């Protein structure tokens, strides 16, 4: 038996209680006692005992095996992460070695390289996420499934190909996937038409699981992108979730409310920053550069005629993008430029930013990651507006690859608490627990996110006056402060701010 003695609950932070835990579950919550109880005692010292946070959008497929990343998550109170985002991950790739190689190479700057998995089923991938200090859940990635059936084909799927994808998706759900993700600005998901997406999301509907989408556009493109998801949902009946929603708050929330009024079950996640992070090829390359085939794409980038076409026909339109780009991950020859602004590097090389981008992509097999400032249509007030909406849940969109990543992987959830609970009052502590734990747990059927008797004891002890993020754009790998003790299934995985070596984390599935 374990007792967390003298803690406060988010729903009643003024009262101290004892939380009793046995066999991984909360068995009792009672008035704090002045004398020790039997078993192991952890003194809460008046800290908040909150449900372990669920990061609804994170790219930790490979990084989860790094103790520094585990520490970064736990120091923010994150106990469960949802992988398989944006339509690209390592499975299902059974009998599809080319697809595993593609998924690894295409998203190297996002998902990293898995240290032990070399392709296979969703069940086989999930088996690698046992015995960790953090829980995982997994979305079936549409782009990976599509590539396994039809490679990087830049066209709508045939009826037969959709049937093959449907079979793979069914298998993924049977093996524990908690939804389907699409990356409609990435290849090859972006080539899917409405028919394909409706047929696949109908399968998710049958399992009661959501469609999670990196939409076909954000900011100025948000209205048609949301409408596409709404039409898919109205036809298939699927629950729908928008990844890393950002842009002008009034407009974006009107789109959400209008969807609700039309009968669509729509939620979204967001992070508390005004800069994003993705692969440079997504930001810069036109559709006719085959980014699903890095070898072919690099050949084209090295062709003088094609390069000239890019420089004259496509890349000039990105003049407003270049000043907003900082290089996060640049493997290979130019690794030492990580952390540099693209325009500064171009000036040093005495070339245009477009030429510098082509050179970096060609020398890294497209595996360049970039942090980028979002357009001015996004603002601090827009961030606050989004997170106050009842359909919001927290997601870091953390990317851990590269030498100079976005700080959100080290600070997003602590920043939510420091800025939007303590400083600005956008949430109460109880509302924060809902947005950062309960909402995502319910959406993905994770059976977590509650501090009630019989709930699984995934808990964080939070100092409400001290919790804060310390990671910055200049120094992104700084762990958060104010969360020093974390429990998963009642096991003490973080004690006094340090990993304990206990590994009760597991892959949470929707299978018995």
Foldseek 3Di string as FASTA:
>chain_A
DEKAAFEAELVGLVFTWIFDADQQFTADTGHGDPDDDDDHYHYLVSFYKFFQFEFAAAQALAVLVPQLLVLLCVLLRHAEYEHQAAQADQDDQAVNQVLNVLSCQLCCQFNNDHPPDRHHHLLVSQVVFFQGRHAYAYANRNQSLLCSQPNQDQAEDDPVSLVSSLVNLVRNQQSFHLYYEHNCLDPPSVSYDLVSLLVNQLVCVVVLHAYEYQFNDAAVCVQVRLVSVLVSCVRNVHAYEYEAHFFQQVVVVVSVVVSVVVPHNYFYEHFQDQKDKDFVCSVQPDPPQRSSDLVSNLVQLPDVVSVVCSVPPGRVVCVVWQQFKAWFAQPDDPQVRHRPRLCVVCVVVVHHSSVSSSVSCSRRSSSIMIMGGDDPSGDSVSSLSRLLDPRYAYHQHDGDDGDQGALSSNFGSLACLVPCVVNPNSDRSVSSLCRGAVNSCVNSVQQTSDDDRRGRPFIWGFDSVQWGGDADSNRRSDHTDGIAWTDGSRHTQGHRSRGPSGGRYRHRGPHD
